[in-house]
Amino acid sequence: MADNRRSSTRHAVTIAGKISISGGTYDCTITNLSLGGALIAASQKQPMGIRCNMQFVIPTMAEPIEVGATVRWSDDSSVGIQFDGLRARDVWALNEYFKQLTAG
């Protein structure tokens, strides 16, 4: 049996964002999103366990979502991050966004 520790449903998305990691801030594209974390298209591998901050905008909220996170895995094309914890308004807005994604 595979070990799958994800507690949130993942959704395929294409969302522009910014990631602050390893002393720099970079534009990025989120390709997979859940309440627990995100998959980011990347051009270089990042060390597992490194801390980062994400910022992105979704249609159901005017202000950007800003959240601290930890790199859980990385390869030459993607970085998987786990969010530290979202604010209640961010959780609400993401759930509304996910409803729109699954309704279409």
PDB file of N, CA and C in Angstrom:
ATOM      1  N   MET A   1       0.847  -1.169   0.000  1.00  0.00           N
ATOM      2  CA  MET A   1       0.000   0.000   0.000  1.00  0.00           C
ATOM      3  C   MET A   1       0.901   1.243   0.000  1.00  0.00           C
ATOM      4  N   ALA A   2       0.568   2.209  -0.849  1.00  0.00           N
ATOM      5  CA  ALA A   2       1.351   3.436  -0.947  1.00  0.00           C
ATOM      6  C   ALA A   2       1.111   4.318   0.274  1.00  0.00           C
ATOM      7  N   ASP A   3       2.160   5.005   0.677  1.00  0.00           N
ATOM      8  CA  ASP A   3       2.064   5.931   1.806  1.00  0.00           C
ATOM      9  C   ASP A   3       1.655   7.295   1.268  1.00  0.00           C
ATOM     10  N   ASN A   4       0.395   7.663   1.448  1.00  0.00           N
ATOM     11  CA  ASN A   4      -0.105   8.950   0.968  1.00  0.00           C
ATOM     12  C   ASN A   4      -0.579   9.752   2.163  1.00  0.00           C
ATOM     13  N   ARG A   5       0.228  10.752   2.557  1.00  0.00           N
ATOM     14  CA  ARG A   5      -0.067  11.515   3.763  1.00  0.00           C
ATOM     15  C   ARG A   5      -0.816  12.807   3.471  1.00  0.00           C
ATOM     16  N   ARG A   6      -1.202  13.048   2.243  1.00  0.00           N
ATOM     17  CA  ARG A   6      -1.917  14.286   1.933  1.00  0.00           C
ATOM     18  C   ARG A   6      -3.275  14.280   2.606  1.00  0.00           C
ATOM     19  N   SER A   7      -3.607  15.418   3.191  1.00  0.00           N
ATOM     20  CA  SER A   7      -4.907  15.517   3.859  1.00  0.00           C
ATOM     21  C   SER A   7      -5.870  16.410   3.090  1.00  0.00           C
ATOM     22  N   SER A   8      -5.414  17.012   1.980  1.00  0.00           N
ATOM     23  CA  SER A   8      -6.248  17.921   1.199  1.00  0.00           C
ATOM     24  C   SER A   8      -6.257  17.511  -0.264  1.00  0.00           C
ATOM     25  N   THR A   9      -7.403  17.677  -0.904  1.00  0.00           N
ATOM     26  CA  THR A   9      -7.530  17.372  -2.326  1.00  0.00           C
ATOM     27  C   THR A   9      -6.717  18.353  -3.148  1.00  0.00           C
ATOM     28  N   ARG A  10      -5.966  17.829  -4.117  1.00  0.00           N
ATOM     29  CA  ARG A  10      -5.163  18.684  -4.991  1.00  0.00           C
ATOM     30  C   ARG A  10      -5.965  19.057  -6.235  1.00  0.00           C
ATOM     31  N   HIS A  11      -5.729  20.280  -6.720  1.00  0.00           N
ATOM     32  CA  HIS A  11      -6.421  20.788  -7.905  1.00  0.00           C
ATOM     33  C   HIS A  11      -5.401  21.284  -8.913  1.00  0.00           C
ATOM     34  N   ALA A  12      -5.552  20.863 -10.181  1.00  0.00           N
ATOM     35  CA  ALA A  12      -4.679  21.349 -11.248  1.00  0.00           C
ATOM     36  C   ALA A  12      -5.056  22.797 -11.549  1.00  0.00           C
ATOM     37  N   VAL A  13      -4.072  23.683 -11.533  1.00  0.00           N
ATOM     38  CA  VAL A  13      -4.286  25.109 -11.748  1.00  0.00           C
ATOM     39  C   VAL A  13      -3.118  25.674 -12.559  1.00  0.00           C
ATOM     40  N   THR A  14      -3.269  26.891 -13.000  1.00  0.00           N
ATOM     41  CA  THR A  14      -2.166  27.677 -13.545  1.00  0.00           C
ATOM     42  C   THR A  14      -2.314  29.068 -12.949  1.00  0.00           C
ATOM     43  N   ILE A  15      -1.556  29.318 -11.889  1.00  0.00           N
ATOM     44  CA  ILE A  15      -1.666  30.567 -11.139  1.00  0.00           C
ATOM     45  C   ILE A  15      -0.278  31.196 -11.035  1.00  0.00           C
ATOM     46  N   ALA A  16      -0.184  32.464 -11.424  1.00  0.00           N
ATOM     47  CA  ALA A  16       1.068  33.194 -11.253  1.00  0.00           C
ATOM     48  C   ALA A  16       1.253  33.522  -9.785  1.00  0.00           C
ATOM     49  N   GLY A  17       2.472  33.423  -9.325  1.00  0.00           N
ATOM     50  CA  GLY A  17       2.758  33.743  -7.936  1.00  0.00           C
ATOM     51  C   GLY A  17       4.176  34.229  -7.773  1.00  0.00           C
ATOM     52  N   LYS A  18       4.540  34.452  -6.542  1.00  0.00           N
ATOM     53  CA  LYS A  18       5.913  34.807  -6.187  1.00  0.00           C
ATOM     54  C   LYS A  18       6.335  33.905  -5.047  1.00  0.00           C
ATOM     55  N   ILE A  19       7.574  33.437  -5.120  1.00  0.00           N
ATOM     56  CA  ILE A  19       8.129  32.636  -4.040  1.00  0.00           C
ATOM     57  C   ILE A  19       9.404  33.304  -3.558  1.00  0.00           C
ATOM     58  N   SER A  20       9.508  33.447  -2.248  1.00  0.00           N
ATOM     59  CA  SER A  20      10.731  33.954  -1.626  1.00  0.00           C
ATOM     60  C   SER A  20      11.443  32.758  -1.018  1.00  0.00           C
ATOM     61  N   ILE A  21      12.624  32.469  -1.560  1.00  0.00           N
ATOM     62  CA  ILE A  21      13.352  31.271  -1.152  1.00  0.00           C
ATOM     63  C   ILE A  21      14.846  31.496  -1.369  1.00  0.00           C
ATOM     64  N   SER A  22      15.650  30.970  -0.483  1.00  0.00           N
ATOM     65  CA  SER A  22      17.111  31.048  -0.597  1.00  0.00           C
ATOM     66  C   SER A  22      17.608  32.473  -0.808  1.00  0.00           C
ATOM     67  N   GLY A  23      17.000  33.434  -0.119  1.00  0.00           N
ATOM     68  CA  GLY A  23      17.466  34.808  -0.174  1.00  0.00           C
ATOM     69  C   GLY A  23      16.994  35.631  -1.352  1.00  0.00           C
ATOM     70  N   GLY A  24      16.152  35.073  -2.226  1.00  0.00           N
ATOM     71  CA  GLY A  24      15.644  35.829  -3.368  1.00  0.00           C
ATOM     72  C   GLY A  24      14.146  35.658  -3.516  1.00  0.00           C
ATOM     73  N   THR A  25      13.531  36.547  -4.282  1.00  0.00           N
ATOM     74  CA  THR A  25      12.108  36.449  -4.592  1.00  0.00           C
ATOM     75  C   THR A  25      11.969  36.276  -6.089  1.00  0.00           C
ATOM     76  N   TYR A  26      11.196  35.271  -6.502  1.00  0.00           N
ATOM     77  CA  TYR A  26      11.099  34.892  -7.905  1.00  0.00           C
ATOM     78  C   TYR A  26       9.644  34.754  -8.338  1.00  0.00           C
ATOM     79  N   ASP A  27       9.364  35.127  -9.590  1.00  0.00           N
ATOM     80  CA  ASP A  27       8.068  34.824 -10.172  1.00  0.00           C
ATOM     81  C   ASP A  27       7.995  33.316 -10.367  1.00  0.00           C
ATOM     82  N   CYS A  28       6.808  32.766 -10.194  1.00  0.00           N
ATOM     83  CA  CYS A  28       6.644  31.328 -10.368  1.00  0.00           C
ATOM     84  C   CYS A  28       5.241  31.034 -10.874  1.00  0.00           C
ATOM     85  N   THR A  29       5.019  29.802 -11.278  1.00  0.00           N
ATOM     86  CA  THR A  29       3.700  29.327 -11.682  1.00  0.00           C
ATOM     87  C   THR A  29       3.316  28.148 -10.809  1.00  0.00           C
ATOM     88  N   ILE A  30       2.171  28.278 -10.140  1.00  0.00           N
ATOM     89  CA  ILE A  30       1.629  27.182  -9.340  1.00  0.00           C
ATOM     90  C   ILE A  30       0.845  26.292 -10.293  1.00  0.00           C
ATOM     91  N   THR A  31       1.155  24.997 -10.315  1.00  0.00           N
ATOM     92  CA  THR A  31       0.494  24.076 -11.237  1.00  0.00           C
ATOM     93  C   THR A  31      -0.447  23.104 -10.522  1.00  0.00           C
ATOM     94  N   ASN A  32      -0.386  23.099  -9.205  1.00  0.00           N
ATOM     95  CA  ASN A  32      -1.197  22.188  -8.421  1.00  0.00           C
ATOM     96  C   ASN A  32      -1.376  22.837  -7.062  1.00  0.00           C
ATOM     97  N   LEU A  33      -2.612  22.878  -6.555  1.00  0.00           N
ATOM     98  CA  LEU A  33      -2.872  23.623  -5.331  1.00  0.00           C
ATOM     99  C   LEU A  33      -3.871  22.887  -4.457  1.00  0.00           C
ATOM    100  N   SER A  34      -3.643  22.938  -3.149  1.00  0.00           N
ATOM    101  CA  SER A  34      -4.585  22.393  -2.172  1.00  0.00           C
ATOM    102  C   SER A  34      -4.542  23.281  -0.943  1.00  0.00           C
ATOM    103  N   LEU A  35      -5.352  22.965   0.044  1.00  0.00           N
ATOM    104  CA  LEU A  35      -5.301  23.703   1.297  1.00  0.00           C
ATOM    105  C   LEU A  35      -4.010  23.419   2.061  1.00  0.00           C
ATOM    106  N   GLY A  36      -3.342  22.340   1.704  1.00  0.00           N
ATOM    107  CA  GLY A  36      -2.126  21.949   2.421  1.00  0.00           C
ATOM    108  C   GLY A  36      -0.830  22.375   1.791  1.00  0.00           C
ATOM    109  N   GLY A  37      -0.864  22.741   0.489  1.00  0.00           N
ATOM    110  CA  GLY A  37       0.382  23.103  -0.171  1.00  0.00           C
ATOM    111  C   GLY A  37       0.205  23.319  -1.654  1.00  0.00           C
ATOM    112  N   ALA A  38       1.344  23.363  -2.351  1.00  0.00           N
ATOM    113  CA  ALA A  38       1.321  23.661  -3.778  1.00  0.00           C
ATOM    114  C   ALA A  38       2.483  22.976  -4.488  1.00  0.00           C
ATOM    115  N   LEU A  39       2.294  22.788  -5.784  1.00  0.00           N
ATOM    116  CA  LEU A  39       3.355  22.328  -6.677  1.00  0.00           C
ATOM    117  C   LEU A  39       3.704  23.505  -7.567  1.00  0.00           C
ATOM    118  N   ILE A  40       4.969  23.849  -7.616  1.00  0.00           N
ATOM    119  CA  ILE A  40       5.423  25.024  -8.342  1.00  0.00           C
ATOM    120  C   ILE A  40       6.360  24.588  -9.449  1.00  0.00           C
ATOM    121  N   ALA A  41       6.135  25.105 -10.662  1.00  0.00           N
ATOM    122  CA  ALA A  41       7.076  24.875 -11.751  1.00  0.00           C
ATOM    123  C   ALA A  41       8.373  25.596 -11.397  1.00  0.00           C
ATOM    124  N   ALA A  42       9.499  24.930 -11.546  1.00  0.00           N
ATOM    125  CA  ALA A  42      10.774  25.505 -11.130  1.00  0.00           C
ATOM    126  C   ALA A  42      11.869  25.177 -12.141  1.00  0.00           C
ATOM    127  N   SER A  43      12.875  26.018 -12.182  1.00  0.00           N
ATOM    128  CA  SER A  43      13.990  25.787 -13.096  1.00  0.00           C
ATOM    129  C   SER A  43      15.206  25.235 -12.373  1.00  0.00           C
ATOM    130  N   GLN A  44      15.117  25.125 -11.050  1.00  0.00           N
ATOM    131  CA  GLN A  44      16.227  24.534 -10.309  1.00  0.00           C
ATOM    132  C   GLN A  44      15.726  23.829  -9.058  1.00  0.00           C
ATOM    133  N   LYS A  45      16.473  22.833  -8.661  1.00  0.00           N
ATOM    134  CA  LYS A  45      16.146  22.050  -7.479  1.00  0.00           C
ATOM    135  C   LYS A  45      16.388  22.878  -6.217  1.00  0.00           C
ATOM    136  N   GLN A  46      15.542  22.678  -5.205  1.00  0.00           N
ATOM    137  CA  GLN A  46      15.677  23.355  -3.913  1.00  0.00           C
ATOM    138  C   GLN A  46      15.901  22.304  -2.821  1.00  0.00           C
ATOM    139  N   PRO A  47      16.657  22.650  -1.791  1.00  0.00           N
ATOM    140  CA  PRO A  47      16.918  21.692  -0.714  1.00  0.00           C
ATOM    141  C   PRO A  47      15.649  21.342   0.067  1.00  0.00           C
ATOM    142  N   MET A  48      15.457  20.070   0.339  1.00  0.00           N
ATOM    143  CA  MET A  48      14.315  19.632   1.128  1.00  0.00           C
ATOM    144  C   MET A  48      14.427  20.227   2.535  1.00  0.00           C
ATOM    145  N   GLY A  49      13.293  20.728   3.043  1.00  0.00           N
ATOM    146  CA  GLY A  49      13.241  21.283   4.376  1.00  0.00           C
ATOM    147  C   GLY A  49      13.503  22.780   4.449  1.00  0.00           C
ATOM    148  N   ILE A  50      13.898  23.392   3.336  1.00  0.00           N
ATOM    149  CA  ILE A  50      14.168  24.832   3.349  1.00  0.00           C
ATOM    150  C   ILE A  50      12.861  25.606   3.485  1.00  0.00           C
ATOM    151  N   ARG A  51      12.929  26.706   4.213  1.00  0.00           N
ATOM    152  CA  ARG A  51      11.745  27.552   4.430  1.00  0.00           C
ATOM    153  C   ARG A  51      11.565  28.504   3.257  1.00  0.00           C
ATOM    154  N   CYS A  52      10.304  28.836   2.960  1.00  0.00           N
ATOM    155  CA  CYS A  52      10.004  29.780   1.887  1.00  0.00           C
ATOM    156  C   CYS A  52       8.698  30.498   2.206  1.00  0.00           C
ATOM    157  N   ASN A  53       8.405  31.507   1.420  1.00  0.00           N
ATOM    158  CA  ASN A  53       7.129  32.219   1.522  1.00  0.00           C
ATOM    159  C   ASN A  53       6.518  32.286   0.137  1.00  0.00           C
ATOM    160  N   MET A  54       5.208  32.078   0.070  1.00  0.00           N
ATOM    161  CA  MET A  54       4.468  32.129  -1.199  1.00  0.00           C
ATOM    162  C   MET A  54       3.490  33.290  -1.172  1.00  0.00           C
ATOM    163  N   GLN A  55       3.273  33.865  -2.346  1.00  0.00           N
ATOM    164  CA  GLN A  55       2.255  34.900  -2.507  1.00  0.00           C
ATOM    165  C   GLN A  55       1.590  34.656  -3.855  1.00  0.00           C
ATOM    166  N   PHE A  56       0.238  34.627  -3.855  1.00  0.00           N
ATOM    167  CA  PHE A  56      -0.507  34.432  -5.098  1.00  0.00           C
ATOM    168  C   PHE A  56      -1.914  34.980  -4.933  1.00  0.00           C
ATOM    169  N   VAL A  57      -2.562  35.227  -6.070  1.00  0.00           N
ATOM    170  CA  VAL A  57      -3.918  35.777  -6.080  1.00  0.00           C
ATOM    171  C   VAL A  57      -4.846  34.773  -6.747  1.00  0.00           C
ATOM    172  N   ILE A  58      -6.027  34.609  -6.156  1.00  0.00           N
ATOM    173  CA  ILE A  58      -7.064  33.771  -6.755  1.00  0.00           C
ATOM    174  C   ILE A  58      -8.296  34.641  -7.001  1.00  0.00           C
ATOM    175  N   PRO A  59      -9.171  34.244  -7.931  1.00  0.00           N
ATOM    176  CA  PRO A  59     -10.315  35.087  -8.306  1.00  0.00           C
ATOM    177  C   PRO A  59     -11.320  35.354  -7.193  1.00  0.00           C
ATOM    178  N   THR A  60     -11.344  34.533  -6.167  1.00  0.00           N
ATOM    179  CA  THR A  60     -12.350  34.686  -5.117  1.00  0.00           C
ATOM    180  C   THR A  60     -11.888  35.566  -3.956  1.00  0.00           C
ATOM    181  N   MET A  61     -10.728  36.225  -4.113  1.00  0.00           N
ATOM    182  CA  MET A  61     -10.233  37.108  -3.057  1.00  0.00           C
ATOM    183  C   MET A  61      -9.406  38.226  -3.679  1.00  0.00           C
ATOM    184  N   ALA A  62      -9.685  39.450  -3.284  1.00  0.00           N
ATOM    185  CA  ALA A  62      -9.001  40.607  -3.866  1.00  0.00           C
ATOM    186  C   ALA A  62      -7.543  40.706  -3.414  1.00  0.00           C
ATOM    187  N   GLU A  63      -7.286  40.422  -2.144  1.00  0.00           N
ATOM    188  CA  GLU A  63      -5.925  40.524  -1.626  1.00  0.00           C
ATOM    189  C   GLU A  63      -5.152  39.244  -1.923  1.00  0.00           C
ATOM    190  N   PRO A  64      -3.838  39.370  -2.063  1.00  0.00           N
ATOM    191  CA  PRO A  64      -3.029  38.162  -2.275  1.00  0.00           C
ATOM    192  C   PRO A  64      -3.047  37.264  -1.037  1.00  0.00           C
ATOM    193  N   ILE A  65      -2.974  35.980  -1.274  1.00  0.00           N
ATOM    194  CA  ILE A  65      -2.743  35.019  -0.199  1.00  0.00           C
ATOM    195  C   ILE A  65      -1.239  34.987   0.023  1.00  0.00           C
ATOM    196  N   GLU A  66      -0.825  35.168   1.262  1.00  0.00           N
ATOM    197  CA  GLU A  66       0.585  35.102   1.640  1.00  0.00           C
ATOM    198  C   GLU A  66       0.719  34.044   2.723  1.00  0.00           C
ATOM    199  N   VAL A  67       1.625  33.094   2.497  1.00  0.00           N
ATOM    200  CA  VAL A  67       1.740  31.993   3.445  1.00  0.00           C
ATOM    201  C   VAL A  67       3.182  31.494   3.496  1.00  0.00           C
ATOM    202  N   GLY A  68       3.629  31.179   4.700  1.00  0.00           N
ATOM    203  CA  GLY A  68       4.919  30.533   4.873  1.00  0.00           C
ATOM    204  C   GLY A  68       4.789  29.057   4.529  1.00  0.00           C
ATOM    205  N   ALA A  69       5.907  28.460   4.139  1.00  0.00           N
ATOM    206  CA  ALA A  69       5.862  27.058   3.725  1.00  0.00           C
ATOM    207  C   ALA A  69       7.240  26.419   3.872  1.00  0.00           C
ATOM    208  N   THR A  70       7.258  25.104   3.694  1.00  0.00           N
ATOM    209  CA  THR A  70       8.482  24.315   3.734  1.00  0.00           C
ATOM    210  C   THR A  70       8.560  23.466   2.469  1.00  0.00           C
ATOM    211  N   VAL A  71       9.743  23.409   1.859  1.00  0.00           N
ATOM    212  CA  VAL A  71       9.944  22.541   0.698  1.00  0.00           C
ATOM    213  C   VAL A  71       9.937  21.097   1.180  1.00  0.00           C
ATOM    214  N   ARG A  72       9.032  20.289   0.609  1.00  0.00           N
ATOM    215  CA  ARG A  72       8.929  18.875   0.978  1.00  0.00           C
ATOM    216  C   ARG A  72       9.618  17.957  -0.025  1.00  0.00           C
ATOM    217  N   TRP A  73       9.702  18.403  -1.275  1.00  0.00           N
ATOM    218  CA  TRP A  73      10.465  17.670  -2.287  1.00  0.00           C
ATOM    219  C   TRP A  73      10.743  18.611  -3.451  1.00  0.00           C
ATOM    220  N   SER A  74      11.734  18.247  -4.267  1.00  0.00           N
ATOM    221  CA  SER A  74      12.114  19.091  -5.390  1.00  0.00           C
ATOM    222  C   SER A  74      12.873  18.270  -6.414  1.00  0.00           C
ATOM    223  N   ASP A  75      12.683  18.612  -7.696  1.00  0.00           N
ATOM    224  CA  ASP A  75      13.520  18.066  -8.759  1.00  0.00           C
ATOM    225  C   ASP A  75      13.865  19.219  -9.701  1.00  0.00           C
ATOM    226  N   ASP A  76      14.377  18.920 -10.883  1.00  0.00           N
ATOM    227  CA  ASP A  76      14.822  19.975 -11.784  1.00  0.00           C
ATOM    228  C   ASP A  76      13.695  20.779 -12.417  1.00  0.00           C
ATOM    229  N   SER A  77      12.437  20.329 -12.279  1.00  0.00           N
ATOM    230  CA  SER A  77      11.335  21.039 -12.925  1.00  0.00           C
ATOM    231  C   SER A  77      10.196  21.433 -11.980  1.00  0.00           C
ATOM    232  N   SER A  78      10.200  20.938 -10.746  1.00  0.00           N
ATOM    233  CA  SER A  78       9.092  21.207  -9.827  1.00  0.00           C
ATOM    234  C   SER A  78       9.573  21.268  -8.386  1.00  0.00           C
ATOM    235  N   VAL A  79       8.835  22.045  -7.591  1.00  0.00           N
ATOM    236  CA  VAL A  79       9.078  22.113  -6.152  1.00  0.00           C
ATOM    237  C   VAL A  79       7.736  21.905  -5.460  1.00  0.00           C
ATOM    238  N   GLY A  80       7.676  20.957  -4.554  1.00  0.00           N
ATOM    239  CA  GLY A  80       6.477  20.706  -3.762  1.00  0.00           C
ATOM    240  C   GLY A  80       6.631  21.340  -2.397  1.00  0.00           C
ATOM    241  N   ILE A  81       5.681  22.223  -2.038  1.00  0.00           N
ATOM    242  CA  ILE A  81       5.762  22.893  -0.737  1.00  0.00           C
ATOM    243  C   ILE A  81       4.546  22.570   0.111  1.00  0.00           C
ATOM    244  N   GLN A  82       4.763  22.545   1.418  1.00  0.00           N
ATOM    245  CA  GLN A  82       3.683  22.354   2.386  1.00  0.00           C
ATOM    246  C   GLN A  82       3.495  23.668   3.120  1.00  0.00           C
ATOM    247  N   PHE A  83       2.260  24.167   3.100  1.00  0.00           N
ATOM    248  CA  PHE A  83       1.952  25.420   3.785  1.00  0.00           C
ATOM    249  C   PHE A  83       2.049  25.240   5.292  1.00  0.00           C
ATOM    250  N   ASP A  84       2.476  26.321   5.977  1.00  0.00           N
ATOM    251  CA  ASP A  84       2.509  26.315   7.446  1.00  0.00           C
ATOM    252  C   ASP A  84       1.099  26.307   8.008  1.00  0.00           C
ATOM    253  N   GLY A  85       0.219  27.028   7.372  1.00  0.00           N
ATOM    254  CA  GLY A  85      -1.157  27.154   7.833  1.00  0.00           C
ATOM    255  C   GLY A  85      -1.745  28.410   7.226  1.00  0.00           C
ATOM    256  N   LEU A  86      -2.931  28.286   6.715  1.00  0.00           N
ATOM    257  CA  LEU A  86      -3.604  29.407   6.064  1.00  0.00           C
ATOM    258  C   LEU A  86      -4.510  30.128   7.041  1.00  0.00           C
ATOM    259  N   ARG A  87      -4.706  31.422   6.836  1.00  0.00           N
ATOM    260  CA  ARG A  87      -5.679  32.181   7.620  1.00  0.00           C
ATOM    261  C   ARG A  87      -7.083  31.718   7.237  1.00  0.00           C
ATOM    262  N   ALA A  88      -8.030  31.914   8.126  1.00  0.00           N
ATOM    263  CA  ALA A  88      -9.413  31.467   7.882  1.00  0.00           C
ATOM    264  C   ALA A  88      -9.968  32.057   6.595  1.00  0.00           C
ATOM    265  N   ARG A  89      -9.727  33.339   6.335  1.00  0.00           N
ATOM    266  CA  ARG A  89     -10.251  33.957   5.101  1.00  0.00           C
ATOM    267  C   ARG A  89      -9.618  33.337   3.854  1.00  0.00           C
ATOM    268  N   ASP A  90      -8.350  32.918   3.956  1.00  0.00           N
ATOM    269  CA  ASP A  90      -7.687  32.267   2.826  1.00  0.00           C
ATOM    270  C   ASP A  90      -8.294  30.888   2.561  1.00  0.00           C
ATOM    271  N   VAL A  91      -8.577  30.156   3.637  1.00  0.00           N
ATOM    272  CA  VAL A  91      -9.211  28.835   3.503  1.00  0.00           C
ATOM    273  C   VAL A  91     -10.575  28.988   2.841  1.00  0.00           C
ATOM    274  N   TRP A  92     -11.365  29.964   3.299  1.00  0.00           N
ATOM    275  CA  TRP A  92     -12.683  30.191   2.712  1.00  0.00           C
ATOM    276  C   TRP A  92     -12.561  30.518   1.221  1.00  0.00           C
ATOM    277  N   ALA A  93     -11.676  31.451   0.866  1.00  0.00           N
ATOM    278  CA  ALA A  93     -11.519  31.863  -0.528  1.00  0.00           C
ATOM    279  C   ALA A  93     -11.022  30.714  -1.392  1.00  0.00           C
ATOM    280  N   LEU A  94     -10.087  29.922  -0.888  1.00  0.00           N
ATOM    281  CA  LEU A  94      -9.601  28.767  -1.659  1.00  0.00           C
ATOM    282  C   LEU A  94     -10.705  27.740  -1.854  1.00  0.00           C
ATOM    283  N   ASN A  95     -11.491  27.462  -0.830  1.00  0.00           N
ATOM    284  CA  ASN A  95     -12.597  26.513  -0.989  1.00  0.00           C
ATOM    285  C   ASN A  95     -13.597  27.003  -2.028  1.00  0.00           C
ATOM    286  N   GLU A  96     -13.898  28.305  -2.045  1.00  0.00           N
ATOM    287  CA  GLU A  96     -14.799  28.865  -3.065  1.00  0.00           C
ATOM    288  C   GLU A  96     -14.177  28.725  -4.461  1.00  0.00           C
ATOM    289  N   TYR A  97     -12.888  28.971  -4.575  1.00  0.00           N
ATOM    290  CA  TYR A  97     -12.173  28.817  -5.846  1.00  0.00           C
ATOM    291  C   TYR A  97     -12.203  27.359  -6.307  1.00  0.00           C
ATOM    292  N   PHE A  98     -11.937  26.433  -5.397  1.00  0.00           N
ATOM    293  CA  PHE A  98     -11.967  25.015  -5.752  1.00  0.00           C
ATOM    294  C   PHE A  98     -13.354  24.577  -6.219  1.00  0.00           C
ATOM    295  N   LYS A  99     -14.413  25.133  -5.616  1.00  0.00           N
ATOM    296  CA  LYS A  99     -15.791  24.826  -6.074  1.00  0.00           C
ATOM    297  C   LYS A  99     -15.965  25.254  -7.522  1.00  0.00           C
ATOM    298  N   GLN A 100     -15.439  26.433  -7.881  1.00  0.00           N
ATOM    299  CA  GLN A 100     -15.530  26.918  -9.262  1.00  0.00           C
ATOM    300  C   GLN A 100     -14.776  25.991 -10.217  1.00  0.00           C
ATOM    301  N   LEU A 101     -13.629  25.491  -9.785  1.00  0.00           N
ATOM    302  CA  LEU A 101     -12.828  24.605 -10.637  1.00  0.00           C
ATOM    303  C   LEU A 101     -13.554  23.295 -10.910  1.00  0.00           C
ATOM    304  N   THR A 102     -14.209  22.750  -9.898  1.00  0.00           N
ATOM    305  CA  THR A 102     -14.861  21.452 -10.060  1.00  0.00           C
ATOM    306  C   THR A 102     -16.230  21.572 -10.718  1.00  0.00           C
ATOM    307  N   ALA A 103     -16.805  22.789 -10.727  1.00  0.00           N
ATOM    308  CA  ALA A 103     -18.115  22.983 -11.348  1.00  0.00           C
ATOM    309  C   ALA A 103     -18.017  23.073 -12.878  1.00  0.00           C
ATOM    310  N   GLY A 104     -16.848  23.433 -13.382  1.00  0.00           N
ATOM    311  CA  GLY A 104     -16.681  23.659 -14.821  1.00  0.00           C
ATOM    312  C   GLY A 104     -16.326  22.484 -15.580  1.00  0.00           C
TER     313      GLY A 104
END
